Protein backbone atom coordinates (compact mmCIF):
# COMPACT_ATOMS: atom_id res chain seq x y z
CA MET A 1 33.88 -8.47 -6.31
CA ALA A 2 32.48 -7.31 -9.46
CA ASN A 3 30.77 -3.62 -8.67
CA TYR A 4 27.25 -4.10 -10.06
CA ARG A 5 24.33 -1.89 -10.39
CA LEU A 6 20.87 -1.98 -11.58
CA LEU A 7 18.44 0.72 -13.70
CA VAL A 8 14.92 0.04 -13.63
CA ASP A 9 12.20 2.03 -14.65
CA SER A 10 9.08 4.10 -12.99
CA SER A 11 6.85 0.68 -13.82
CA CYS A 12 8.68 -1.14 -11.35
CA SER A 13 7.05 -0.94 -8.09
CA ILE A 14 8.67 -2.58 -5.19
CA PRO A 15 7.10 -2.51 -1.57
CA GLU A 16 8.33 0.22 0.96
CA GLU A 17 9.59 -1.94 3.39
CA ILE A 18 11.54 -4.16 0.98
CA ASP A 19 12.30 -1.55 -1.35
CA LYS A 20 14.87 0.47 1.86
CA ASN A 21 17.14 -2.76 1.30
CA TYR A 22 18.53 -2.20 -2.18
CA ASP A 23 20.09 0.65 -3.79
CA TYR A 24 19.48 1.32 -7.32
CA GLY A 25 18.81 3.75 -10.45
CA MET A 26 15.14 4.66 -11.87
CA THR A 27 14.27 6.15 -15.51
CA ASN A 28 11.27 7.54 -15.49
CA LEU A 29 8.39 6.94 -17.94
CA ILE A 30 6.40 10.16 -19.35
CA ILE A 31 2.65 10.38 -18.97
CA HIS A 32 0.30 12.31 -20.95
CA LEU A 33 -2.90 13.53 -19.98
CA ASP A 34 -5.29 15.86 -20.39
CA ASN A 35 -2.70 17.69 -23.43
CA LYS A 36 0.42 17.25 -20.64
CA GLU A 37 3.07 15.76 -20.01
CA TYR A 38 3.93 14.44 -16.83
CA ILE A 39 7.36 12.45 -15.26
CA ASP A 40 6.30 9.48 -13.42
CA ARG A 41 6.99 9.50 -9.44
CA LYS A 42 8.27 13.06 -9.93
CA GLU A 43 5.08 15.03 -11.16
CA ILE A 44 2.20 13.06 -11.04
CA SER A 45 1.18 10.32 -8.77
CA VAL A 46 -1.54 7.42 -8.91
CA GLU A 47 -4.07 9.52 -7.00
CA GLU A 48 -3.45 12.74 -9.21
CA VAL A 49 -4.02 10.65 -12.66
CA LEU A 50 -7.09 9.22 -11.90
CA SER A 51 -8.10 12.80 -10.53
CA ILE A 52 -7.23 14.34 -13.58
CA ALA A 53 -9.09 11.56 -15.51
CA ARG A 54 -12.40 12.08 -14.08
CA LYS A 55 -12.01 15.62 -13.94
CA THR A 56 -11.54 15.98 -17.47
CA ASN A 57 -12.69 12.50 -18.98
CA THR A 58 -9.56 11.67 -20.47
CA ILE A 59 -7.57 8.42 -20.84
CA PRO A 60 -4.26 8.78 -19.92
CA LYS A 61 -1.10 7.14 -22.20
CA THR A 62 2.23 6.42 -21.50
CA SER A 63 5.52 7.02 -23.67
CA THR A 64 9.61 6.83 -22.47
CA GLN A 65 12.16 9.55 -22.46
CA SER A 66 13.96 10.03 -25.61
CA ILE A 67 17.43 8.55 -26.65
CA GLY A 68 19.33 11.32 -25.42
CA ASP A 69 17.82 11.59 -22.15
CA LEU A 70 18.35 7.65 -21.46
CA MET A 71 21.87 8.23 -22.49
CA GLU A 72 22.28 10.53 -20.11
CA VAL A 73 20.87 8.59 -17.44
CA MET A 74 22.64 5.49 -18.27
CA LYS A 75 25.93 6.99 -18.14
CA ARG A 76 25.34 8.46 -14.59
CA GLU A 77 24.27 5.17 -13.31
CA LEU A 78 27.52 3.24 -15.21
CA GLU A 79 29.93 5.84 -13.37
CA GLY A 80 32.21 3.92 -10.96
CA HIS A 81 30.52 0.55 -11.48
CA ASP A 82 31.77 -2.12 -13.67
CA HIS A 83 28.65 -3.13 -15.11
CA LEU A 84 25.28 -1.58 -15.72
CA PHE A 85 22.15 -3.98 -16.20
CA VAL A 86 18.74 -2.03 -17.21
CA LEU A 87 15.36 -3.69 -16.72
CA PRO A 88 12.93 -1.84 -18.66
CA ILE A 89 9.54 -2.54 -18.83
CA SER A 90 8.47 -5.85 -20.90
CA SER A 91 9.87 -4.76 -24.78
CA LYS A 92 6.31 -6.24 -25.76
CA THR A 93 4.67 -3.43 -23.85
CA SER A 94 6.64 -0.25 -24.71
CA SER A 95 9.37 0.88 -26.99
CA GLU A 96 11.56 1.42 -23.95
CA PHE A 97 13.77 -1.51 -24.32
CA SER A 98 14.23 -0.91 -28.38
CA TYR A 99 15.62 2.72 -27.27
CA MET A 100 17.55 1.58 -24.61
CA ASN A 101 19.50 -0.89 -26.48
CA MET A 102 19.43 1.78 -29.35
CA ALA A 103 21.22 4.45 -26.91
CA VAL A 104 23.44 2.11 -25.95
CA ILE A 105 24.79 1.00 -29.37
CA GLN A 106 25.55 4.54 -30.13
CA MET A 107 27.29 4.98 -27.11
CA GLY A 108 29.18 2.07 -28.13
CA LEU A 109 28.96 0.85 -24.51
CA LYS A 110 27.60 -3.01 -25.70
CA ASP A 111 30.65 -4.03 -23.25
CA LYS A 112 29.51 -2.26 -20.59
CA ILE A 113 25.62 -2.05 -20.13
CA THR A 114 23.23 -4.83 -20.61
CA ILE A 115 19.69 -4.21 -21.57
CA LEU A 116 17.77 -7.13 -20.03
CA ASP A 117 13.77 -7.86 -21.07
CA SER A 118 11.93 -7.93 -17.78
CA LEU A 119 8.75 -9.56 -19.27
CA SER A 120 6.78 -7.75 -17.59
CA LEU A 121 5.94 -5.08 -15.28
CA VAL A 122 4.84 -3.21 -12.09
CA THR A 123 5.70 -5.76 -9.24
CA GLY A 124 6.61 -8.15 -11.62
CA GLN A 125 9.10 -5.91 -12.89
CA GLY A 126 9.86 -5.60 -9.21
CA LEU A 127 10.35 -8.97 -7.98
CA GLU A 128 12.46 -9.36 -10.95
CA ALA A 129 14.78 -6.58 -10.01
CA ILE A 130 15.27 -7.82 -6.39
CA ALA A 131 16.38 -11.44 -8.11
CA ILE A 132 18.96 -9.83 -10.12
CA MET A 133 20.33 -7.92 -7.28
CA GLU A 134 20.73 -10.77 -4.86
CA ASP A 135 22.57 -12.46 -7.82
CA PHE A 136 24.99 -9.34 -7.30
CA LYS A 137 25.91 -10.51 -3.66
CA LYS A 138 26.83 -13.78 -5.16
CA ASN A 139 29.94 -12.31 -7.47
CA LEU A 140 28.51 -14.42 -10.59
CA SER A 141 29.81 -13.16 -13.48
CA VAL A 142 27.79 -10.68 -16.28
CA GLU A 143 26.96 -14.17 -17.89
CA GLU A 144 25.66 -16.05 -15.33
CA ILE A 145 23.65 -13.01 -14.12
CA ILE A 146 22.09 -13.16 -17.28
CA ALA A 147 21.62 -16.49 -17.74
CA ASN A 148 19.79 -16.53 -14.54
CA HIS A 149 17.33 -13.57 -15.27
CA GLU A 150 16.44 -15.47 -18.70
CA ASP A 151 15.24 -18.59 -16.88
CA ARG A 152 13.67 -16.62 -13.77
CA ALA A 153 11.90 -13.94 -16.24
CA LYS A 154 9.69 -16.85 -17.78
CA ARG A 155 8.64 -18.15 -14.21
CA VAL A 156 7.84 -14.94 -13.26
CA VAL A 157 3.67 -14.10 -12.19
CA MET A 158 2.07 -11.09 -12.59
CA ASP A 159 -1.84 -11.41 -13.01
CA PHE A 160 -4.43 -9.09 -12.14
CA VAL A 161 -8.08 -8.19 -12.14
CA VAL A 162 -9.58 -4.65 -13.37
CA ASP A 163 -13.01 -3.63 -12.91
CA ASN A 164 -13.60 -2.66 -16.88
CA MET A 165 -11.88 -2.45 -19.93
CA THR A 166 -12.36 1.00 -20.70
CA TRP A 167 -9.25 2.33 -20.15
CA LEU A 168 -7.62 -1.12 -21.80
CA TYR A 169 -9.54 -0.95 -24.94
CA LYS A 170 -8.85 3.10 -25.00
CA GLY A 171 -5.35 2.60 -24.98
CA GLY A 172 -5.54 -0.26 -27.54
CA ARG A 173 -4.97 -2.84 -25.66
CA CYS A 174 -8.38 -5.29 -26.34
CA SER A 175 -10.90 -5.36 -29.40
CA GLY A 176 -14.21 -2.83 -28.79
CA LEU A 177 -16.08 -6.21 -29.11
CA ALA A 178 -14.54 -7.38 -26.05
CA TYR A 179 -14.76 -4.11 -24.77
CA LEU A 180 -18.72 -4.20 -25.11
CA PHE A 181 -19.07 -7.48 -23.96
CA ALA A 182 -17.69 -6.77 -20.99
CA ASN A 183 -19.40 -3.71 -20.13
CA THR A 184 -22.82 -4.97 -20.95
CA PHE A 185 -22.52 -7.95 -18.87
CA HIS A 186 -20.58 -6.69 -15.88
CA ILE A 187 -17.64 -8.50 -16.83
CA HIS A 188 -14.06 -8.40 -15.04
CA PRO A 189 -11.21 -9.47 -16.86
CA ILE A 190 -8.32 -11.24 -15.37
CA ILE A 191 -5.09 -10.27 -16.94
CA HIS A 192 -1.88 -12.18 -17.34
CA HIS A 193 1.26 -11.28 -18.69
CA LYS A 194 2.66 -14.27 -21.07
CA ASP A 195 5.56 -14.25 -23.38
CA GLY A 196 5.93 -10.31 -22.19
CA LYS A 197 2.42 -9.38 -23.10
CA MET A 198 -0.90 -9.01 -21.94
CA GLU A 199 -3.73 -10.80 -22.57
CA VAL A 200 -6.89 -11.49 -21.56
CA LYS A 201 -6.63 -14.79 -19.57
CA ALA A 202 -10.17 -15.23 -18.21
CA LEU A 203 -13.64 -13.59 -17.46
CA THR A 204 -15.32 -13.02 -14.06
CA ARG A 205 -18.84 -11.55 -13.52
CA GLY A 206 -20.19 -9.78 -10.92
CA LYS A 207 -21.15 -6.56 -9.48
CA ASP A 208 -17.10 -5.43 -8.32
CA ILE A 209 -13.86 -7.29 -8.54
CA THR A 210 -14.14 -9.77 -5.87
CA LYS A 211 -14.87 -13.03 -8.21
CA GLY A 212 -11.71 -11.88 -10.07
CA VAL A 213 -9.61 -11.70 -6.68
CA LYS A 214 -10.73 -15.48 -5.51
CA ARG A 215 -9.71 -16.65 -8.41
CA LEU A 216 -6.59 -15.21 -8.32
CA LEU A 217 -6.13 -16.22 -5.04
CA GLU A 218 -7.16 -19.95 -5.47
CA GLU A 219 -4.60 -20.25 -8.34
CA PHE A 220 -1.64 -19.01 -5.98
CA LYS A 221 -2.98 -21.63 -3.34
CA GLU A 222 -2.76 -24.12 -6.22
CA ASP A 223 0.61 -23.69 -6.78
CA LEU A 224 1.79 -23.63 -3.45
CA LYS A 225 -0.17 -27.13 -3.11
CA ASN A 226 1.82 -28.31 -6.25
CA ASN A 227 5.01 -27.31 -4.06
CA ASN A 228 5.95 -24.74 -7.51
CA ILE A 229 6.22 -21.10 -5.59
CA ASP A 230 9.81 -20.34 -5.14
CA LEU A 231 9.43 -19.29 -1.54
CA ASN A 232 12.81 -17.68 -1.77
CA TYR A 233 11.28 -14.42 -3.19
CA PRO A 234 8.41 -12.59 -1.90
CA VAL A 235 4.71 -12.58 -2.93
CA PHE A 236 3.29 -9.26 -4.29
CA LEU A 237 -0.17 -7.68 -3.75
CA ALA A 238 -0.62 -4.86 -5.63
CA GLN A 239 -3.91 -2.87 -5.63
CA ILE A 240 -5.82 0.32 -7.07
CA GLU A 241 -8.10 1.66 -4.89
CA SER A 242 -8.94 -1.65 -3.61
CA GLU A 243 -7.72 -2.05 -0.46
CA GLU A 244 -10.29 -4.00 1.28
CA GLN A 245 -9.07 -6.44 -1.09
CA ILE A 246 -5.85 -6.56 -0.08
CA ARG A 247 -6.40 -6.72 3.53
CA LYS A 248 -9.19 -9.94 2.56
CA SER A 249 -5.90 -11.34 0.85
CA LEU A 250 -3.64 -10.54 3.27
CA LYS A 251 -5.63 -12.57 5.78
CA GLU A 252 -6.36 -15.54 3.57
CA LEU A 253 -2.69 -15.75 2.55
CA GLN A 254 -0.73 -15.19 5.68
CA PRO A 255 -1.60 -18.46 7.12
CA LEU A 256 -0.63 -20.04 4.36
CA ILE A 257 3.29 -18.47 3.60
CA GLY A 258 3.68 -16.64 7.17
CA ASP A 259 3.76 -12.66 6.92
CA LYS A 260 7.56 -11.90 6.66
CA ILE A 261 7.34 -12.81 3.29
CA ILE A 262 4.02 -11.41 1.74
CA TYR A 263 3.89 -7.97 0.90
CA SER A 264 1.45 -5.34 -0.79
CA THR A 265 1.90 -2.26 -2.41
CA THR A 266 -0.18 0.61 -4.35
CA ALA A 267 1.02 -0.14 -8.33
CA SER A 268 2.75 2.23 -10.48
CA ALA A 269 1.09 5.30 -12.15
CA ILE A 270 1.77 3.66 -15.42
CA ILE A 271 -0.01 0.58 -15.09
CA VAL A 272 -3.04 3.06 -13.61
CA CYS A 273 -2.86 4.68 -17.33
CA HIS A 274 -3.74 0.92 -18.98
CA THR A 275 -6.17 -0.46 -16.11
CA GLY A 276 -7.71 2.28 -15.18
CA CYS A 277 -9.41 2.21 -11.06
CA GLU A 278 -10.40 -1.19 -9.01
CA THR A 279 -7.46 -3.10 -10.00
CA PHE A 280 -5.83 -5.84 -7.82
CA GLY A 281 -2.95 -7.86 -9.11
CA ILE A 282 -0.36 -10.94 -7.29
CA SER A 283 3.32 -11.74 -8.55
CA TYR A 284 5.50 -14.00 -7.32
CA ILE A 285 8.24 -16.38 -9.20
CA LEU A 286 7.40 -19.92 -9.87
CA LYS A 287 10.13 -23.02 -9.72
CA LYS A 288 9.22 -23.95 -13.02
CA PRO A 289 7.03 -22.69 -15.58
CA ARG A 290 3.32 -23.82 -16.03
CA ASN A 291 2.51 -25.64 -18.74
């Protein structure tokens, strides 16, 4: 049986109850905040990002490690394994995918290291990481694992609703007109990851994100009704300063799919850098892509 290894980046979020069952490596993205650099997950937490941003009235930005640093990480993770699969944040969201491919070429290890495009981030990336590691157990070839990933990545849902568009706007991920409109009319955008890119899927209006959460849950229940959710994989709920929304959502969804398959987690600091506070997201894998 082939001895494969998976390497993800620090955007990837897997709930603790599941995470403990898997062994994989992680490379850390960089967070820039208040003229300082922090190594994600090692030097700064979600709570600290929000606290510093509020105290200094600054918006965090993110970057990837250098090609040299990535080379060191991948060499270390490959050691003792037949093949290393690397699952970074979506290539449409970060330059990390390109940097990793350049690092592999410079090392001359294209036959030993495969960079997979997650087309997602955070819990969507986490779901795909779990699916890949489950494929490792099936004694599949490298080519089969790649093919499974490319098919499955198109079926991963990762939608989230944010309280406001300030950080999205200042991070260059929405237009000034959309930002002005949203803040003026108390609009809470639902962000969808489509073909690896974040885009505004819908707009909800209200004093908080409750209506947006309701819409996400309705879409989930519609997919469930249509027998289009692959329940061989878990369902993830992610939040930033939205614990009450998580509690209510678990109460609503657990009777439909049970409590052994749905998990909640705090989103990674990387997504916080784009969305800011009060964010709720849901991730799951479809049986077939939506039309």
